[in-house]
Amino acid sequence: MKHIEIEISEIKLIEAYKVEEIGTIHFYLGKGPHEGEYQFILKDGIIIKSYAHCYNSNGITIGRYLNNEKRITLIEKTRYKINNS
């Protein structure tokens, strides 16, 4: 596991990625995040990836928290995967 510290002011953009499998049905139970990972794009162009299951003390994912409280732009993207079973 990698530990990286960055300044919040250095984050330019947050991308939230969700993976959808074509040909399957998705059920979202509980309060888990719909996205699978976040990518934090820094002002100098460096991209840092983080799982979406990182929460703050109020149960809000780190990407949603930074979007709501620190007003950092959050873009939601979907990747599609073909289910070959």
C-alpha atoms as a PDB file:
ATOM      1  CA  MET A   1       0.000   0.000   0.000  1.00  0.00           C
ATOM      2  CA  LYS A   2       1.299   3.414  -0.976  1.00  0.00           C
ATOM      3  CA  HIS A   3       1.048   6.491   1.222  1.00  0.00           C
ATOM      4  CA  ILE A   4       1.065   9.866  -0.548  1.00  0.00           C
ATOM      5  CA  GLU A   5       0.404  13.275   0.916  1.00  0.00           C
ATOM      6  CA  ILE A   6      -0.682  16.142  -1.325  1.00  0.00           C
ATOM      7  CA  GLU A   7      -1.958  19.628  -0.668  1.00  0.00           C
ATOM      8  CA  ILE A   8      -5.659  20.061  -1.428  1.00  0.00           C
ATOM      9  CA  SER A   9      -4.853  23.347  -3.147  1.00  0.00           C
ATOM     10  CA  GLU A  10      -2.731  21.417  -5.680  1.00  0.00           C
ATOM     11  CA  ILE A  11      -5.720  19.382  -6.949  1.00  0.00           C
ATOM     12  CA  LYS A  12      -7.047  20.779 -10.222  1.00  0.00           C
ATOM     13  CA  LEU A  13      -9.719  18.181 -11.072  1.00  0.00           C
ATOM     14  CA  ILE A  14     -11.221  14.938  -9.781  1.00  0.00           C
ATOM     15  CA  GLU A  15     -12.470  12.205 -12.106  1.00  0.00           C
ATOM     16  CA  ALA A  16     -14.781   9.510 -10.687  1.00  0.00           C
ATOM     17  CA  TYR A  17     -14.707   6.263 -12.690  1.00  0.00           C
ATOM     18  CA  LYS A  18     -17.445   3.643 -12.691  1.00  0.00           C
ATOM     19  CA  VAL A  19     -17.051   0.327 -14.533  1.00  0.00           C
ATOM     20  CA  GLU A  20     -20.218  -1.063 -16.128  1.00  0.00           C
ATOM     21  CA  GLU A  21     -20.295  -4.594 -17.475  1.00  0.00           C
ATOM     22  CA  ILE A  22     -22.357  -4.828 -20.659  1.00  0.00           C
ATOM     23  CA  GLY A  23     -25.029  -7.522 -20.389  1.00  0.00           C
ATOM     24  CA  THR A  24     -25.303  -7.541 -16.602  1.00  0.00           C
ATOM     25  CA  ILE A  25     -27.687  -6.036 -14.074  1.00  0.00           C
ATOM     26  CA  HIS A  26     -26.322  -3.942 -11.208  1.00  0.00           C
ATOM     27  CA  PHE A  27     -27.888  -3.676  -7.759  1.00  0.00           C
ATOM     28  CA  TYR A  28     -26.566  -1.018  -5.404  1.00  0.00           C
ATOM     29  CA  LEU A  29     -27.221  -2.014  -1.796  1.00  0.00           C
ATOM     30  CA  GLY A  30     -26.371   0.217   1.116  1.00  0.00           C
ATOM     31  CA  LYS A  31     -24.474   3.466   0.957  1.00  0.00           C
ATOM     32  CA  GLY A  32     -21.405   2.292  -0.947  1.00  0.00           C
ATOM     33  CA  PRO A  33     -20.068   4.474  -3.748  1.00  0.00           C
ATOM     34  CA  HIS A  34     -21.272   3.889  -7.304  1.00  0.00           C
ATOM     35  CA  GLU A  35     -17.827   4.675  -8.690  1.00  0.00           C
ATOM     36  CA  GLY A  36     -14.871   2.344  -8.304  1.00  0.00           C
ATOM     37  CA  GLU A  37     -11.961   4.778  -8.248  1.00  0.00           C
ATOM     38  CA  TYR A  38     -11.006   8.429  -8.242  1.00  0.00           C
ATOM     39  CA  GLN A  39      -8.244  10.062 -10.200  1.00  0.00           C
ATOM     40  CA  PHE A  40      -6.911  13.279  -8.726  1.00  0.00           C
ATOM     41  CA  ILE A  41      -5.353  15.428 -11.432  1.00  0.00           C
ATOM     42  CA  LEU A  42      -2.893  17.895  -9.970  1.00  0.00           C
ATOM     43  CA  LYS A  43      -2.079  21.322 -11.369  1.00  0.00           C
ATOM     44  CA  ASP A  44       1.328  20.093 -12.575  1.00  0.00           C
ATOM     45  CA  GLY A  45      -0.304  17.247 -14.579  1.00  0.00           C
ATOM     46  CA  ILE A  46       0.460  14.373 -12.191  1.00  0.00           C
ATOM     47  CA  ILE A  47      -2.409  11.875 -11.792  1.00  0.00           C
ATOM     48  CA  ILE A  48      -2.960  10.088  -8.477  1.00  0.00           C
ATOM     49  CA  LYS A  49      -5.408   7.169  -8.312  1.00  0.00           C
ATOM     50  CA  SER A  50      -7.402   6.229  -5.232  1.00  0.00           C
ATOM     51  CA  TYR A  51     -10.090   3.660  -4.512  1.00  0.00           C
ATOM     52  CA  ALA A  52     -13.548   5.145  -3.984  1.00  0.00           C
ATOM     53  CA  HIS A  53     -13.939   3.275  -0.682  1.00  0.00           C
ATOM     54  CA  CYS A  54     -11.904   5.869   1.237  1.00  0.00           C
ATOM     55  CA  TYR A  55     -14.314   7.749   3.524  1.00  0.00           C
ATOM     56  CA  ASN A  56     -14.055  10.665   5.900  1.00  0.00           C
ATOM     57  CA  SER A  57     -15.499  10.553   9.441  1.00  0.00           C
ATOM     58  CA  ASN A  58     -19.001  11.464   8.161  1.00  0.00           C
ATOM     59  CA  GLY A  59     -19.135   8.529   5.717  1.00  0.00           C
ATOM     60  CA  ILE A  60     -18.602  10.635   2.568  1.00  0.00           C
ATOM     61  CA  THR A  61     -16.103   9.428  -0.037  1.00  0.00           C
ATOM     62  CA  ILE A  62     -12.995  11.542  -0.359  1.00  0.00           C
ATOM     63  CA  GLY A  63     -13.812  12.640  -3.920  1.00  0.00           C
ATOM     64  CA  ARG A  64     -17.356  13.736  -3.027  1.00  0.00           C
ATOM     65  CA  TYR A  65     -16.084  15.522   0.091  1.00  0.00           C
ATOM     66  CA  LEU A  66     -13.510  17.510  -1.866  1.00  0.00           C
ATOM     67  CA  ASN A  67     -16.149  18.365  -4.464  1.00  0.00           C
ATOM     68  CA  ASN A  68     -18.727  19.541  -1.896  1.00  0.00           C
ATOM     69  CA  GLU A  69     -16.531  21.213   0.713  1.00  0.00           C
ATOM     70  CA  LYS A  70     -13.498  22.437  -1.230  1.00  0.00           C
ATOM     71  CA  ARG A  71     -15.306  23.142  -4.550  1.00  0.00           C
ATOM     72  CA  ILE A  72     -12.944  21.038  -6.667  1.00  0.00           C
ATOM     73  CA  THR A  73     -14.524  20.040  -9.983  1.00  0.00           C
ATOM     74  CA  LEU A  74     -15.704  16.407 -10.096  1.00  0.00           C
ATOM     75  CA  ILE A  75     -16.308  14.726 -13.440  1.00  0.00           C
ATOM     76  CA  GLU A  76     -18.080  11.364 -13.510  1.00  0.00           C
ATOM     77  CA  LYS A  77     -16.982   8.934 -16.222  1.00  0.00           C
ATOM     78  CA  THR A  78     -18.073   5.404 -17.081  1.00  0.00           C
ATOM     79  CA  ARG A  79     -15.908   2.646 -18.529  1.00  0.00           C
ATOM     80  CA  TYR A  80     -17.675  -0.243 -20.239  1.00  0.00           C
ATOM     81  CA  LYS A  81     -16.513  -3.842 -20.007  1.00  0.00           C
ATOM     82  CA  ILE A  82     -17.893  -6.672 -22.136  1.00  0.00           C
ATOM     83  CA  ASN A  83     -18.968  -9.702 -20.112  1.00  0.00           C
ATOM     84  CA  ASN A  84     -17.802 -12.809 -22.030  1.00  0.00           C
ATOM     85  CA  SER A  85     -19.446 -15.473 -19.869  1.00  0.00           C
END
